[in-house]
Amino acid sequence: MIMSLRSFCVGVAASMVTFAVLAAELSGQPDPASPGPGKSYQIRNKKYGDLLRPEEANSADGTPIVLYPAQAWKCMTWKFSAAGASQFTLQNHFTSKTFAAKAGNDRQAAAVIQVPFGKKPEERPAWQFNKLKDGSYKIVDSKSGKALSGQRSGSDVKIILETSSDSDNQKWELLEIDPAKLTM
């Protein structure tokens, strides 16, 4: 009886150790639905269903960032580079630039424009990707704490930074894409 109880306890302990090791290994694995550094994504707005890109695929600094219907185009695809815990810098595959709030704009809502991708990491805007319960992300400017949002402007949807809310215009889906399959 004592030997059976001892064998049982040893078996339970061994199972617990195995479970703990397996759990530790799994927790170190990246969430396949989470952004990863070095990967490329198209970023789709949940409310409007369109993708983030520079307006008219223009490479000029100051070009507004807008939404556009999905295409496998370089101008709609962003390379993610790690910039901290759940923070990334984004570089457009077509223009090789990134985006940020328009300089000097401290209003409630600030226009988001294309800016140069700094040579040094500290010169690049960093974006915090906060995963939401529905699997989408809230994308927050690391400096201001404001959320990336789509806002209809005539027939276009412009991208702005504004105070965080639970609105679908501030929810984003990430669509991983192989840059080798992109056109334009």
N, C-alpha and C. Protein backbone atom coordinates (compact mmCIF):
# COMPACT_ATOMS: atom_id res chain seq x y z
N MET A 1 0.82 -1.19 0.00
CA MET A 1 0.00 0.00 0.00
C MET A 1 0.88 1.26 0.00
N ILE A 2 1.89 1.31 0.87
CA ILE A 2 2.79 2.48 0.93
C ILE A 2 3.56 2.58 -0.37
N MET A 3 4.00 1.44 -0.93
CA MET A 3 4.73 1.45 -2.17
C MET A 3 3.83 1.95 -3.31
N SER A 4 2.56 1.57 -3.31
CA SER A 4 1.63 2.02 -4.35
C SER A 4 1.39 3.51 -4.24
N LEU A 5 1.26 4.00 -3.01
CA LEU A 5 1.05 5.43 -2.80
C LEU A 5 2.29 6.21 -3.22
N ARG A 6 3.46 5.69 -2.88
CA ARG A 6 4.71 6.34 -3.27
C ARG A 6 4.84 6.36 -4.80
N SER A 7 4.54 5.26 -5.48
CA SER A 7 4.59 5.19 -6.95
C SER A 7 3.61 6.18 -7.56
N PHE A 8 2.43 6.26 -6.97
CA PHE A 8 1.41 7.19 -7.46
C PHE A 8 1.92 8.64 -7.35
N CYS A 9 2.49 8.99 -6.18
CA CYS A 9 3.00 10.35 -5.97
C CYS A 9 4.14 10.68 -6.93
N VAL A 10 5.04 9.72 -7.14
CA VAL A 10 6.14 9.92 -8.07
C VAL A 10 5.59 10.12 -9.48
N GLY A 11 4.59 9.34 -9.86
CA GLY A 11 3.97 9.47 -11.18
C GLY A 11 3.31 10.83 -11.36
N VAL A 12 2.60 11.29 -10.33
CA VAL A 12 1.95 12.60 -10.39
C VAL A 12 3.00 13.70 -10.48
N ALA A 13 4.05 13.60 -9.68
CA ALA A 13 5.11 14.61 -9.71
C ALA A 13 5.78 14.65 -11.08
N ALA A 14 6.06 13.48 -11.65
CA ALA A 14 6.68 13.44 -12.98
C ALA A 14 5.76 14.06 -14.02
N SER A 15 4.47 13.80 -13.93
CA SER A 15 3.50 14.39 -14.86
C SER A 15 3.46 15.90 -14.72
N MET A 16 3.53 16.38 -13.48
CA MET A 16 3.50 17.82 -13.25
C MET A 16 4.74 18.49 -13.81
N VAL A 17 5.90 17.85 -13.64
CA VAL A 17 7.14 18.40 -14.19
C VAL A 17 7.06 18.43 -15.71
N THR A 18 6.59 17.35 -16.31
CA THR A 18 6.45 17.30 -17.77
C THR A 18 5.50 18.40 -18.25
N PHE A 19 4.37 18.55 -17.56
CA PHE A 19 3.41 19.59 -17.93
C PHE A 19 4.02 20.98 -17.80
N ALA A 20 4.78 21.24 -16.73
CA ALA A 20 5.40 22.54 -16.52
C ALA A 20 6.42 22.84 -17.62
N VAL A 21 7.22 21.84 -18.01
CA VAL A 21 8.21 22.03 -19.07
C VAL A 21 7.50 22.32 -20.39
N LEU A 22 6.46 21.55 -20.70
CA LEU A 22 5.71 21.76 -21.93
C LEU A 22 5.05 23.14 -21.95
N ALA A 23 4.48 23.55 -20.82
CA ALA A 23 3.85 24.88 -20.75
C ALA A 23 4.88 25.99 -20.96
N ALA A 24 6.05 25.83 -20.38
CA ALA A 24 7.11 26.83 -20.55
C ALA A 24 7.55 26.91 -22.01
N GLU A 25 7.66 25.75 -22.66
CA GLU A 25 8.05 25.75 -24.07
C GLU A 25 6.98 26.42 -24.92
N LEU A 26 5.73 26.11 -24.65
CA LEU A 26 4.64 26.69 -25.44
C LEU A 26 4.52 28.19 -25.22
N SER A 27 4.75 28.65 -23.99
CA SER A 27 4.62 30.08 -23.73
C SER A 27 5.70 30.88 -24.45
N GLY A 28 6.80 30.24 -24.79
CA GLY A 28 7.86 30.91 -25.52
C GLY A 28 7.61 30.98 -27.02
N GLN A 29 6.60 30.24 -27.49
CA GLN A 29 6.28 30.26 -28.90
C GLN A 29 5.46 31.49 -29.23
N PRO A 30 5.73 32.14 -30.35
CA PRO A 30 4.96 33.31 -30.73
C PRO A 30 3.53 32.94 -31.07
N ASP A 31 2.61 33.81 -30.75
CA ASP A 31 1.21 33.65 -31.11
C ASP A 31 1.13 33.83 -32.62
N PRO A 32 0.62 32.82 -33.36
CA PRO A 32 0.62 32.96 -34.82
C PRO A 32 -0.22 34.14 -35.30
N ALA A 33 -1.12 34.65 -34.48
CA ALA A 33 -1.94 35.80 -34.88
C ALA A 33 -1.32 37.12 -34.42
N SER A 34 -0.16 37.07 -33.79
CA SER A 34 0.50 38.29 -33.31
C SER A 34 1.52 38.76 -34.32
N PRO A 35 1.74 40.07 -34.39
CA PRO A 35 2.75 40.56 -35.32
C PRO A 35 4.13 40.07 -34.91
N GLY A 36 4.96 39.86 -35.89
CA GLY A 36 6.32 39.42 -35.60
C GLY A 36 7.32 40.29 -36.32
N PRO A 37 8.45 40.57 -35.67
CA PRO A 37 9.48 41.37 -36.32
C PRO A 37 10.02 40.66 -37.55
N GLY A 38 10.31 41.45 -38.60
CA GLY A 38 10.83 40.89 -39.83
C GLY A 38 9.76 40.36 -40.75
N LYS A 39 8.53 40.31 -40.29
CA LYS A 39 7.42 39.84 -41.12
C LYS A 39 6.75 41.04 -41.78
N SER A 40 6.01 40.76 -42.83
CA SER A 40 5.31 41.81 -43.56
C SER A 40 3.80 41.57 -43.47
N TYR A 41 3.08 42.68 -43.31
CA TYR A 41 1.63 42.60 -43.14
C TYR A 41 0.94 43.70 -43.94
N GLN A 42 -0.28 43.40 -44.33
CA GLN A 42 -1.20 44.42 -44.77
C GLN A 42 -2.08 44.70 -43.56
N ILE A 43 -2.47 45.95 -43.38
CA ILE A 43 -3.19 46.36 -42.18
C ILE A 43 -4.58 46.83 -42.61
N ARG A 44 -5.60 46.05 -42.22
CA ARG A 44 -6.98 46.31 -42.64
C ARG A 44 -7.80 46.90 -41.50
N ASN A 45 -8.52 47.98 -41.81
CA ASN A 45 -9.40 48.61 -40.83
C ASN A 45 -10.69 47.80 -40.71
N LYS A 46 -11.10 47.52 -39.48
CA LYS A 46 -12.28 46.69 -39.25
C LYS A 46 -13.57 47.37 -39.71
N LYS A 47 -13.71 48.67 -39.50
CA LYS A 47 -14.94 49.38 -39.87
C LYS A 47 -15.09 49.49 -41.39
N TYR A 48 -14.03 49.89 -42.06
CA TYR A 48 -14.12 50.18 -43.49
C TYR A 48 -13.70 49.01 -44.39
N GLY A 49 -12.94 48.06 -43.85
CA GLY A 49 -12.53 46.88 -44.61
C GLY A 49 -11.42 47.11 -45.62
N ASP A 50 -10.82 48.29 -45.63
CA ASP A 50 -9.76 48.61 -46.58
C ASP A 50 -8.40 48.64 -45.90
N LEU A 51 -7.35 48.72 -46.73
CA LEU A 51 -5.97 48.63 -46.25
C LEU A 51 -5.28 49.99 -46.15
N LEU A 52 -4.36 50.06 -45.20
CA LEU A 52 -3.54 51.25 -44.96
C LEU A 52 -2.51 51.42 -46.07
N ARG A 53 -2.38 52.66 -46.59
CA ARG A 53 -1.34 52.96 -47.58
C ARG A 53 -1.16 54.46 -47.72
N PRO A 54 -0.03 54.91 -48.31
CA PRO A 54 0.11 56.34 -48.64
C PRO A 54 -0.87 56.69 -49.76
N GLU A 55 -1.47 57.86 -49.69
CA GLU A 55 -2.43 58.28 -50.70
C GLU A 55 -1.79 58.26 -52.09
N GLU A 56 -2.49 57.65 -53.05
CA GLU A 56 -2.02 57.54 -54.45
C GLU A 56 -0.66 56.84 -54.56
N ALA A 57 -0.27 56.10 -53.53
CA ALA A 57 1.03 55.42 -53.50
C ALA A 57 2.18 56.41 -53.72
N ASN A 58 1.96 57.63 -53.30
CA ASN A 58 2.94 58.71 -53.45
C ASN A 58 4.07 58.52 -52.44
N SER A 59 5.30 58.71 -52.88
CA SER A 59 6.44 58.52 -51.98
C SER A 59 6.91 59.82 -51.31
N ALA A 60 6.23 60.93 -51.57
CA ALA A 60 6.65 62.21 -50.99
C ALA A 60 6.39 62.27 -49.49
N ASP A 61 7.32 62.91 -48.77
CA ASP A 61 7.10 63.15 -47.34
C ASP A 61 5.86 64.02 -47.20
N GLY A 62 5.06 63.77 -46.17
CA GLY A 62 3.86 64.56 -45.93
C GLY A 62 2.62 64.03 -46.62
N THR A 63 2.76 62.95 -47.42
CA THR A 63 1.60 62.36 -48.09
C THR A 63 0.67 61.79 -47.03
N PRO A 64 -0.64 62.10 -47.12
CA PRO A 64 -1.58 61.54 -46.14
C PRO A 64 -1.64 60.02 -46.24
N ILE A 65 -1.84 59.39 -45.11
CA ILE A 65 -2.06 57.94 -45.07
C ILE A 65 -3.57 57.75 -45.13
N VAL A 66 -4.00 56.83 -46.01
CA VAL A 66 -5.42 56.62 -46.27
C VAL A 66 -5.72 55.12 -46.30
N LEU A 67 -6.99 54.81 -46.50
CA LEU A 67 -7.41 53.42 -46.72
C LEU A 67 -7.74 53.25 -48.19
N TYR A 68 -7.48 52.02 -48.69
CA TYR A 68 -7.71 51.72 -50.10
C TYR A 68 -8.14 50.26 -50.20
N PRO A 69 -9.01 49.92 -51.19
CA PRO A 69 -9.42 48.50 -51.34
C PRO A 69 -8.22 47.58 -51.54
N ALA A 70 -8.32 46.39 -50.98
CA ALA A 70 -7.22 45.42 -50.94
C ALA A 70 -6.68 45.04 -52.31
N GLN A 71 -5.36 45.03 -52.40
CA GLN A 71 -4.60 44.57 -53.56
C GLN A 71 -3.29 43.99 -53.02
N ALA A 72 -2.66 43.12 -53.79
CA ALA A 72 -1.35 42.58 -53.39
C ALA A 72 -0.26 43.53 -53.89
N TRP A 73 -0.30 44.75 -53.39
CA TRP A 73 0.63 45.79 -53.82
C TRP A 73 1.63 46.11 -52.72
N LYS A 74 2.83 46.50 -53.11
CA LYS A 74 3.86 46.88 -52.16
C LYS A 74 3.45 48.10 -51.34
N CYS A 75 2.72 49.03 -51.95
CA CYS A 75 2.34 50.25 -51.24
C CYS A 75 1.34 49.99 -50.11
N MET A 76 0.77 48.81 -50.07
CA MET A 76 -0.20 48.45 -49.03
C MET A 76 0.39 47.47 -48.02
N THR A 77 1.69 47.29 -48.06
CA THR A 77 2.33 46.27 -47.23
C THR A 77 3.44 46.90 -46.41
N TRP A 78 3.51 46.50 -45.16
CA TRP A 78 4.42 47.10 -44.18
C TRP A 78 5.29 46.04 -43.55
N LYS A 79 6.60 46.30 -43.51
CA LYS A 79 7.54 45.41 -42.82
C LYS A 79 7.61 45.85 -41.36
N PHE A 80 7.48 44.89 -40.46
CA PHE A 80 7.49 45.15 -39.02
C PHE A 80 8.89 44.89 -38.46
N SER A 81 9.40 45.83 -37.67
CA SER A 81 10.67 45.67 -36.96
C SER A 81 10.40 45.91 -35.48
N ALA A 82 10.96 45.06 -34.63
CA ALA A 82 10.75 45.18 -33.19
C ALA A 82 11.29 46.50 -32.67
N ALA A 83 10.50 47.10 -31.74
CA ALA A 83 10.92 48.37 -31.12
C ALA A 83 10.63 48.35 -29.63
N GLY A 84 10.40 47.16 -29.06
CA GLY A 84 10.07 47.01 -27.64
C GLY A 84 8.97 45.97 -27.50
N ALA A 85 8.48 45.79 -26.27
CA ALA A 85 7.43 44.82 -26.00
C ALA A 85 6.15 45.21 -26.75
N SER A 86 5.74 44.39 -27.70
CA SER A 86 4.55 44.62 -28.53
C SER A 86 4.62 45.94 -29.29
N GLN A 87 5.83 46.50 -29.45
CA GLN A 87 6.02 47.74 -30.20
C GLN A 87 6.81 47.44 -31.47
N PHE A 88 6.40 48.13 -32.53
CA PHE A 88 7.04 47.90 -33.82
C PHE A 88 7.21 49.22 -34.56
N THR A 89 8.23 49.26 -35.42
CA THR A 89 8.33 50.31 -36.42
C THR A 89 7.87 49.67 -37.71
N LEU A 90 7.23 50.46 -38.56
CA LEU A 90 6.66 49.93 -39.80
C LEU A 90 7.30 50.64 -40.98
N GLN A 91 7.69 49.87 -41.99
CA GLN A 91 8.30 50.44 -43.19
C GLN A 91 7.55 49.94 -44.41
N ASN A 92 7.08 50.88 -45.22
CA ASN A 92 6.32 50.56 -46.42
C ASN A 92 7.23 49.92 -47.47
N HIS A 93 6.77 48.82 -48.06
CA HIS A 93 7.57 48.10 -49.05
C HIS A 93 7.76 48.88 -50.35
N PHE A 94 6.87 49.79 -50.67
CA PHE A 94 6.98 50.54 -51.92
C PHE A 94 7.79 51.82 -51.75
N THR A 95 7.45 52.60 -50.72
CA THR A 95 8.10 53.91 -50.54
C THR A 95 9.33 53.84 -49.63
N SER A 96 9.49 52.76 -48.89
CA SER A 96 10.56 52.59 -47.89
C SER A 96 10.45 53.62 -46.76
N LYS A 97 9.27 54.19 -46.57
CA LYS A 97 9.04 55.18 -45.52
C LYS A 97 8.08 54.62 -44.49
N THR A 98 7.78 55.43 -43.49
CA THR A 98 6.86 55.05 -42.43
C THR A 98 5.81 56.15 -42.28
N PHE A 99 5.09 56.16 -41.17
CA PHE A 99 4.09 57.20 -40.95
C PHE A 99 4.09 57.65 -39.50
N ALA A 100 3.59 58.86 -39.29
CA ALA A 100 3.50 59.45 -37.95
C ALA A 100 2.45 60.55 -37.99
N ALA A 101 2.08 61.04 -36.81
CA ALA A 101 1.17 62.19 -36.74
C ALA A 101 1.87 63.40 -37.32
N LYS A 102 1.11 64.26 -37.96
CA LYS A 102 1.66 65.48 -38.54
C LYS A 102 2.32 66.30 -37.44
N ALA A 103 3.56 66.71 -37.65
CA ALA A 103 4.34 67.44 -36.65
C ALA A 103 3.64 68.71 -36.22
N GLY A 104 3.73 69.01 -34.92
CA GLY A 104 3.16 70.23 -34.37
C GLY A 104 1.66 70.21 -34.23
N ASN A 105 1.05 69.06 -34.44
CA ASN A 105 -0.40 68.96 -34.37
C ASN A 105 -0.80 68.36 -33.03
N ASP A 106 -1.19 69.20 -32.07
CA ASP A 106 -1.56 68.73 -30.74
C ASP A 106 -3.07 68.69 -30.53
N ARG A 107 -3.81 68.86 -31.62
CA ARG A 107 -5.27 68.84 -31.51
C ARG A 107 -5.76 67.48 -31.06
N GLN A 108 -7.06 67.39 -30.80
CA GLN A 108 -7.69 66.13 -30.41
C GLN A 108 -7.41 65.04 -31.44
N ALA A 109 -7.59 65.37 -32.73
CA ALA A 109 -7.32 64.42 -33.80
C ALA A 109 -6.23 65.00 -34.70
N ALA A 110 -5.19 64.21 -34.95
CA ALA A 110 -4.06 64.67 -35.76
C ALA A 110 -3.97 63.83 -37.03
N ALA A 111 -3.75 64.48 -38.17
CA ALA A 111 -3.58 63.76 -39.43
C ALA A 111 -2.33 62.89 -39.37
N VAL A 112 -2.39 61.71 -39.98
CA VAL A 112 -1.24 60.81 -40.06
C VAL A 112 -0.69 60.92 -41.48
N ILE A 113 0.62 61.17 -41.55
CA ILE A 113 1.28 61.38 -42.84
C ILE A 113 2.51 60.49 -42.97
N GLN A 114 2.96 60.36 -44.20
CA GLN A 114 4.17 59.60 -44.48
C GLN A 114 5.40 60.43 -44.10
N VAL A 115 6.34 59.78 -43.43
CA VAL A 115 7.59 60.43 -43.02
C VAL A 115 8.76 59.50 -43.35
N PRO A 116 9.97 60.04 -43.41
CA PRO A 116 11.14 59.19 -43.68
C PRO A 116 11.31 58.13 -42.59
N PHE A 117 11.82 56.98 -43.00
CA PHE A 117 12.15 55.90 -42.07
C PHE A 117 13.56 56.20 -41.57
N GLY A 118 13.67 56.67 -40.34
CA GLY A 118 14.95 57.10 -39.78
C GLY A 118 16.05 56.05 -39.91
N LYS A 119 17.28 56.52 -40.04
CA LYS A 119 18.42 55.61 -40.15
C LYS A 119 18.68 54.89 -38.83
N LYS A 120 18.41 55.58 -37.71
CA LYS A 120 18.60 55.00 -36.39
C LYS A 120 17.24 54.63 -35.81
N PRO A 121 17.16 53.52 -35.07
CA PRO A 121 15.87 53.09 -34.51
C PRO A 121 15.17 54.18 -33.68
N GLU A 122 15.92 54.98 -32.94
CA GLU A 122 15.29 56.01 -32.10
C GLU A 122 14.70 57.16 -32.92
N GLU A 123 15.00 57.21 -34.21
CA GLU A 123 14.45 58.24 -35.10
C GLU A 123 13.15 57.80 -35.77
N ARG A 124 12.72 56.56 -35.51
CA ARG A 124 11.54 56.01 -36.16
C ARG A 124 10.35 56.01 -35.21
N PRO A 125 9.15 56.36 -35.71
CA PRO A 125 7.96 56.25 -34.86
C PRO A 125 7.73 54.79 -34.48
N ALA A 126 7.39 54.57 -33.22
CA ALA A 126 7.09 53.22 -32.74
C ALA A 126 5.59 53.13 -32.46
N TRP A 127 5.03 51.98 -32.78
CA TRP A 127 3.59 51.74 -32.61
C TRP A 127 3.37 50.55 -31.70
N GLN A 128 2.50 50.72 -30.72
CA GLN A 128 2.14 49.66 -29.78
C GLN A 128 0.95 48.91 -30.37
N PHE A 129 1.06 47.59 -30.48
CA PHE A 129 -0.03 46.76 -31.00
C PHE A 129 -0.69 46.04 -29.83
N ASN A 130 -1.88 46.49 -29.48
CA ASN A 130 -2.63 45.91 -28.35
C ASN A 130 -3.71 44.98 -28.90
N LYS A 131 -3.56 43.68 -28.61
CA LYS A 131 -4.52 42.70 -29.11
C LYS A 131 -5.83 42.82 -28.34
N LEU A 132 -6.93 42.84 -29.07
CA LEU A 132 -8.26 42.97 -28.49
C LEU A 132 -8.94 41.60 -28.42
N LYS A 133 -10.01 41.51 -27.65
CA LYS A 133 -10.71 40.23 -27.45
C LYS A 133 -11.19 39.62 -28.76
N ASP A 134 -11.55 40.45 -29.74
CA ASP A 134 -12.07 39.93 -31.01
C ASP A 134 -10.96 39.51 -31.97
N GLY A 135 -9.69 39.60 -31.54
CA GLY A 135 -8.56 39.20 -32.38
C GLY A 135 -7.96 40.34 -33.19
N SER A 136 -8.64 41.47 -33.23
CA SER A 136 -8.09 42.64 -33.93
C SER A 136 -7.11 43.36 -33.01
N TYR A 137 -6.52 44.43 -33.52
CA TYR A 137 -5.54 45.19 -32.75
C TYR A 137 -5.95 46.65 -32.68
N LYS A 138 -5.60 47.28 -31.57
CA LYS A 138 -5.61 48.73 -31.46
C LYS A 138 -4.16 49.13 -31.63
N ILE A 139 -3.90 50.05 -32.56
CA ILE A 139 -2.54 50.48 -32.85
C ILE A 139 -2.38 51.87 -32.24
N VAL A 140 -1.46 51.99 -31.29
CA VAL A 140 -1.31 53.20 -30.49
C VAL A 140 0.08 53.80 -30.70
N ASP A 141 0.11 55.11 -30.94
CA ASP A 141 1.37 55.83 -31.06
C ASP A 141 2.08 55.79 -29.70
N SER A 142 3.29 55.28 -29.67
CA SER A 142 4.01 55.12 -28.40
C SER A 142 4.29 56.44 -27.70
N LYS A 143 4.45 57.54 -28.44
CA LYS A 143 4.74 58.83 -27.82
C LYS A 143 3.50 59.51 -27.26
N SER A 144 2.44 59.59 -28.04
CA SER A 144 1.25 60.35 -27.62
C SER A 144 0.22 59.52 -26.89
N GLY A 145 0.23 58.20 -27.10
CA GLY A 145 -0.79 57.34 -26.50
C GLY A 145 -2.11 57.38 -27.25
N LYS A 146 -2.14 58.07 -28.40
CA LYS A 146 -3.37 58.15 -29.19
C LYS A 146 -3.44 56.98 -30.17
N ALA A 147 -4.68 56.63 -30.55
CA ALA A 147 -4.92 55.46 -31.39
C ALA A 147 -5.04 55.81 -32.87
N LEU A 148 -4.54 54.93 -33.70
CA LEU A 148 -4.68 55.05 -35.15
C LEU A 148 -6.14 54.80 -35.50
N SER A 149 -6.74 55.73 -36.28
CA SER A 149 -8.17 55.67 -36.57
C SER A 149 -8.45 56.02 -38.02
N GLY A 150 -9.48 55.40 -38.58
CA GLY A 150 -9.96 55.78 -39.90
C GLY A 150 -11.07 56.81 -39.75
N GLN A 151 -11.04 57.85 -40.60
CA GLN A 151 -12.07 58.89 -40.54
C GLN A 151 -12.47 59.27 -41.97
N ARG A 152 -13.76 59.11 -42.28
CA ARG A 152 -14.25 59.43 -43.62
C ARG A 152 -14.09 60.92 -43.88
N SER A 153 -13.56 61.23 -45.08
CA SER A 153 -13.37 62.61 -45.52
C SER A 153 -13.81 62.65 -46.99
N GLY A 154 -15.07 63.00 -47.24
CA GLY A 154 -15.60 62.92 -48.59
C GLY A 154 -15.70 61.48 -49.02
N SER A 155 -15.11 61.13 -50.15
CA SER A 155 -15.15 59.74 -50.62
C SER A 155 -13.98 58.92 -50.12
N ASP A 156 -13.01 59.57 -49.44
CA ASP A 156 -11.82 58.88 -48.92
C ASP A 156 -11.95 58.63 -47.43
N VAL A 157 -11.13 57.70 -46.96
CA VAL A 157 -10.98 57.51 -45.52
C VAL A 157 -9.53 57.86 -45.20
N LYS A 158 -9.35 58.95 -44.47
CA LYS A 158 -8.02 59.41 -44.04
C LYS A 158 -7.70 58.75 -42.70
N ILE A 159 -6.43 58.68 -42.40
CA ILE A 159 -5.99 58.10 -41.14
C ILE A 159 -5.58 59.24 -40.21
N ILE A 160 -6.06 59.15 -38.98
CA ILE A 160 -5.77 60.16 -37.96
C ILE A 160 -5.35 59.45 -36.68
N LEU A 161 -4.79 60.24 -35.76
CA LEU A 161 -4.56 59.78 -34.39
C LEU A 161 -5.58 60.51 -33.53
N GLU A 162 -6.25 59.76 -32.67
CA GLU A 162 -7.21 60.39 -31.76
C GLU A 162 -7.27 59.60 -30.46
N THR A 163 -7.94 60.18 -29.49
CA THR A 163 -8.10 59.53 -28.20
C THR A 163 -8.72 58.15 -28.40
N SER A 164 -8.21 57.19 -27.67
CA SER A 164 -8.66 55.81 -27.79
C SER A 164 -10.13 55.65 -27.43
N SER A 165 -10.82 54.81 -28.23
CA SER A 165 -12.22 54.48 -27.97
C SER A 165 -12.42 53.01 -28.34
N ASP A 166 -13.64 52.52 -28.21
CA ASP A 166 -13.93 51.13 -28.55
C ASP A 166 -14.55 51.03 -29.94
N SER A 167 -14.37 52.03 -30.76
CA SER A 167 -14.98 52.09 -32.09
C SER A 167 -14.25 51.19 -33.09
N ASP A 168 -15.00 50.62 -34.03
CA ASP A 168 -14.39 49.77 -35.06
C ASP A 168 -13.43 50.54 -35.96
N ASN A 169 -13.54 51.87 -36.03
CA ASN A 169 -12.60 52.62 -36.86
C ASN A 169 -11.20 52.65 -36.24
N GLN A 170 -11.07 52.15 -34.99
CA GLN A 170 -9.77 52.04 -34.33
C GLN A 170 -9.32 50.59 -34.16
N LYS A 171 -9.99 49.68 -34.85
CA LYS A 171 -9.63 48.26 -34.78
C LYS A 171 -9.02 47.85 -36.11
N TRP A 172 -7.91 47.12 -36.02
CA TRP A 172 -7.13 46.77 -37.21
C TRP A 172 -6.84 45.27 -37.23
N GLU A 173 -6.91 44.70 -38.41
CA GLU A 173 -6.55 43.29 -38.61
C GLU A 173 -5.23 43.23 -39.37
N LEU A 174 -4.40 42.29 -39.00
CA LEU A 174 -3.11 42.11 -39.65
C LEU A 174 -3.18 40.91 -40.58
N LEU A 175 -2.82 41.12 -41.83
CA LEU A 175 -2.85 40.06 -42.83
C LEU A 175 -1.41 39.80 -43.27
N GLU A 176 -0.82 38.71 -42.77
CA GLU A 176 0.57 38.42 -43.13
C GLU A 176 0.65 38.10 -44.62
N ILE A 177 1.68 38.62 -45.27
CA ILE A 177 1.82 38.44 -46.71
C ILE A 177 3.30 38.28 -47.05
N ASP A 178 3.56 37.44 -48.04
CA ASP A 178 4.92 37.22 -48.52
C ASP A 178 5.27 38.36 -49.48
N PRO A 179 6.27 39.18 -49.17
CA PRO A 179 6.63 40.30 -50.04
C PRO A 179 7.01 39.88 -51.46
N ALA A 180 7.47 38.65 -51.63
CA ALA A 180 7.84 38.16 -52.96
C ALA A 180 6.63 38.03 -53.87
N LYS A 181 5.43 37.99 -53.30
CA LYS A 181 4.21 37.82 -54.09
C LYS A 181 3.52 39.15 -54.40
N LEU A 182 4.16 40.26 -54.02
CA LEU A 182 3.56 41.57 -54.23
C LEU A 182 3.86 42.10 -55.62
N THR A 183 2.92 42.88 -56.13
CA THR A 183 3.15 43.57 -57.40
C THR A 183 3.19 45.06 -57.14
N MET A 184 3.58 45.82 -58.13
CA MET A 184 3.67 47.28 -58.05
C MET A 184 4.46 47.71 -56.86
